[in-house]
Amino acid sequence: MSPHTAPALRAGTWTVRSGRTTAAFEVRNVGVNRVRGTIPVRTGGVEVRDGAVTAVHAELDLGALDTRNERRDADLRKPNLLDSAARPAMTFTATGVRRQDDGWAVTGELALRGTSCPLTLTVVPDGATRVRATGTLDRAPLGLRVPRAVIGRYVRIVVEAELEPPS
């Protein structure tokens, strides 16, 4: 593999190992502080056909969101924000995948609270069965009603995923 070529993947369905996969986020809070947290990945998969990634999907458990601050976590789960009691899952579904440098650019839709918004992730391999995906989410199209001075508009996302290869 050259330093600018994404590796070829074995055909089939690669399954996310939920206990070994984390979705982390970072957002500005009150304009200056940074809040970091994680959301567990319940399920996910990557479809590979003829050497190309043809589908990517993931479901995250909003009820288990963790910022290491119980009060903040409870506030984030309320109906005006994530509404995790009524809608406990957040999903990502790819709409396009293209090779890029040493990985892939994965464009897709992040669905939350009955609406969705575009999200592009840069995905790079980290060993034979691990990938790291990074991107920035603009929370405004999701209708999260909190002033930007309280919670920043842009949320940095980092997913560290371990994949089970097809048998």
Protein backbone atom coordinates (compact mmCIF):
# COMPACT_ATOMS: atom_id res chain seq x y z
CA MET A 1 0.00 0.00 0.00
CA SER A 2 1.46 3.37 -0.95
CA PRO A 3 1.08 6.23 1.52
CA HIS A 4 -1.68 7.73 -0.63
CA THR A 5 -3.78 4.68 -1.42
CA ALA A 6 -6.68 3.37 0.64
CA PRO A 7 -6.28 -0.35 1.37
CA ALA A 8 -8.39 -2.89 -0.48
CA LEU A 9 -10.96 -4.54 1.74
CA ARG A 10 -12.24 -8.09 1.61
CA ALA A 11 -15.72 -8.33 0.08
CA GLY A 12 -18.68 -8.88 2.38
CA THR A 13 -20.19 -7.26 5.44
CA TRP A 14 -17.79 -5.92 8.06
CA THR A 15 -19.64 -5.60 11.39
CA VAL A 16 -18.90 -2.99 14.05
CA ARG A 17 -17.80 -4.52 17.34
CA SER A 18 -19.99 -2.42 19.61
CA GLY A 19 -18.04 -2.97 22.84
CA ARG A 20 -14.82 -1.93 21.09
CA THR A 21 -16.13 1.07 19.18
CA THR A 22 -16.47 4.60 20.54
CA ALA A 23 -18.02 7.73 19.12
CA ALA A 24 -16.53 10.75 20.84
CA PHE A 25 -17.51 14.39 20.47
CA GLU A 26 -16.15 17.77 21.45
CA VAL A 27 -18.07 21.06 21.46
CA ARG A 28 -17.50 24.52 22.88
CA ASN A 29 -19.51 25.32 26.00
CA VAL A 30 -20.19 28.90 27.08
CA GLY A 31 -17.93 30.10 24.28
CA VAL A 32 -14.58 29.11 25.79
CA ASN A 33 -14.71 25.74 27.52
CA ARG A 34 -14.66 22.49 25.58
CA VAL A 35 -17.00 19.69 26.55
CA ARG A 36 -16.02 16.17 25.58
CA GLY A 37 -18.18 13.09 25.69
CA THR A 38 -18.91 9.71 24.21
CA ILE A 39 -21.95 7.98 22.77
CA PRO A 40 -21.86 4.16 22.51
CA VAL A 41 -22.23 2.64 19.06
CA ARG A 42 -24.97 -0.05 19.26
CA THR A 43 -24.66 -1.49 15.79
CA GLY A 44 -23.00 -0.75 12.50
CA GLY A 45 -21.60 -2.20 9.36
CA VAL A 46 -19.64 -1.64 6.20
CA GLU A 47 -20.56 -3.37 2.94
CA VAL A 48 -17.75 -4.09 0.49
CA ARG A 49 -18.38 -5.29 -3.08
CA ASP A 50 -15.78 -5.70 -5.83
CA GLY A 51 -13.13 -3.93 -3.72
CA ALA A 52 -15.29 -0.85 -3.12
CA VAL A 53 -17.17 0.28 -0.02
CA THR A 54 -20.82 0.35 -1.08
CA ALA A 55 -22.63 1.07 2.21
CA VAL A 56 -21.89 2.30 5.72
CA HIS A 57 -24.36 2.56 8.57
CA ALA A 58 -24.26 2.96 12.36
CA GLU A 59 -26.70 3.36 15.24
CA LEU A 60 -25.68 5.16 18.43
CA ASP A 61 -27.32 4.95 21.89
CA LEU A 62 -28.23 8.50 23.00
CA GLY A 63 -29.50 7.26 26.37
CA ALA A 64 -25.95 6.26 27.29
CA LEU A 65 -24.33 9.59 26.35
CA ASP A 66 -21.55 10.38 28.83
CA THR A 67 -19.76 13.71 29.38
CA ARG A 68 -18.61 12.72 32.88
CA ASN A 69 -21.06 15.24 34.32
CA GLU A 70 -24.43 13.69 35.31
CA ARG A 71 -26.30 17.00 35.39
CA ARG A 72 -25.06 18.00 31.93
CA ASP A 73 -25.88 14.52 30.58
CA ALA A 74 -29.44 14.82 31.94
CA ASP A 75 -29.79 18.27 30.34
CA LEU A 76 -28.54 16.99 26.98
CA ARG A 77 -31.11 14.16 27.03
CA LYS A 78 -34.07 16.59 27.50
CA PRO A 79 -36.70 17.08 24.73
CA ASN A 80 -35.33 20.47 23.59
CA LEU A 81 -31.95 18.89 22.87
CA LEU A 82 -31.41 15.20 22.10
CA ASP A 83 -34.85 13.99 23.30
CA SER A 84 -33.34 10.59 24.04
CA ALA A 85 -36.35 9.28 26.02
CA ALA A 86 -38.62 9.59 22.96
CA ARG A 87 -35.93 8.92 20.34
CA PRO A 88 -33.08 6.93 21.90
CA ALA A 89 -31.07 6.33 18.73
CA MET A 90 -29.01 8.49 16.42
CA THR A 91 -28.11 6.95 13.06
CA PHE A 92 -25.62 7.58 10.31
CA THR A 93 -26.19 6.26 6.80
CA ALA A 94 -23.68 6.83 4.02
CA THR A 95 -24.90 8.28 0.75
CA GLY A 96 -21.49 8.13 -0.92
CA VAL A 97 -18.00 6.74 -0.38
CA ARG A 98 -14.89 7.63 -2.34
CA ARG A 99 -11.25 6.73 -1.93
CA GLN A 100 -9.14 9.61 -0.71
CA ASP A 101 -5.44 9.65 0.13
CA ASP A 102 -4.86 6.78 2.57
CA GLY A 103 -8.55 6.21 3.38
CA TRP A 104 -12.02 7.27 2.34
CA ALA A 105 -14.33 10.27 2.36
CA VAL A 106 -17.73 9.06 3.53
CA THR A 107 -20.65 11.43 2.99
CA GLY A 108 -23.98 10.68 4.56
CA GLU A 109 -26.94 11.68 6.66
CA LEU A 110 -26.96 11.89 10.44
CA ALA A 111 -30.52 11.33 11.70
CA LEU A 112 -31.58 12.61 15.09
CA ARG A 113 -34.92 13.69 16.61
CA GLY A 114 -36.90 12.97 13.44
CA THR A 115 -34.69 15.09 11.19
CA SER A 116 -31.35 14.71 9.50
CA CYS A 117 -28.39 16.68 8.28
CA PRO A 118 -25.38 16.02 6.08
CA LEU A 119 -22.15 14.82 7.60
CA THR A 120 -18.85 13.99 5.91
CA LEU A 121 -16.34 11.78 7.67
CA THR A 122 -12.70 11.25 6.77
CA VAL A 123 -11.94 7.59 7.45
CA VAL A 124 -8.44 6.14 7.72
CA PRO A 125 -7.38 2.60 8.59
CA ASP A 126 -5.64 1.97 11.88
CA GLY A 127 -4.48 -1.62 11.47
CA ALA A 128 -6.20 -4.52 9.74
CA THR A 129 -9.59 -4.24 11.48
CA ARG A 130 -9.71 -0.72 12.96
CA VAL A 131 -10.63 2.61 11.42
CA ARG A 132 -10.71 6.17 12.69
CA ALA A 133 -13.37 8.50 11.33
CA THR A 134 -13.31 12.27 11.94
CA GLY A 135 -15.66 15.05 10.95
CA THR A 136 -17.41 18.21 12.03
CA LEU A 137 -21.16 18.36 12.55
CA ASP A 138 -23.12 21.58 12.12
CA ARG A 139 -25.86 21.15 14.72
CA ALA A 140 -28.04 23.99 13.38
CA PRO A 141 -29.97 21.91 10.77
CA LEU A 142 -30.96 19.45 13.51
CA GLY A 143 -33.05 22.05 15.31
CA LEU A 144 -31.27 21.80 18.65
CA ARG A 145 -32.66 24.89 20.37
CA VAL A 146 -29.85 26.21 22.52
CA PRO A 147 -28.05 29.52 22.05
CA ARG A 148 -24.61 29.16 20.46
CA ALA A 149 -23.16 30.98 23.46
CA VAL A 150 -24.21 28.00 25.60
CA ILE A 151 -23.38 25.13 23.20
CA GLY A 152 -21.26 25.79 20.13
CA ARG A 153 -22.73 25.30 16.68
CA TYR A 154 -20.02 22.92 15.44
CA VAL A 155 -19.37 19.55 17.04
CA ARG A 156 -16.14 17.69 16.35
CA ILE A 157 -16.67 13.94 16.00
CA VAL A 158 -14.12 11.12 16.28
CA VAL A 159 -15.16 7.50 15.86
CA GLU A 160 -12.69 4.75 16.72
CA ALA A 161 -14.22 1.59 15.27
CA GLU A 162 -13.15 -2.01 15.40
CA LEU A 163 -14.66 -4.10 12.62
CA GLU A 164 -15.32 -7.82 12.49
CA PRO A 165 -14.27 -9.02 9.02
CA PRO A 166 -16.67 -11.05 6.89
CA SER A 167 -16.38 -14.81 7.41
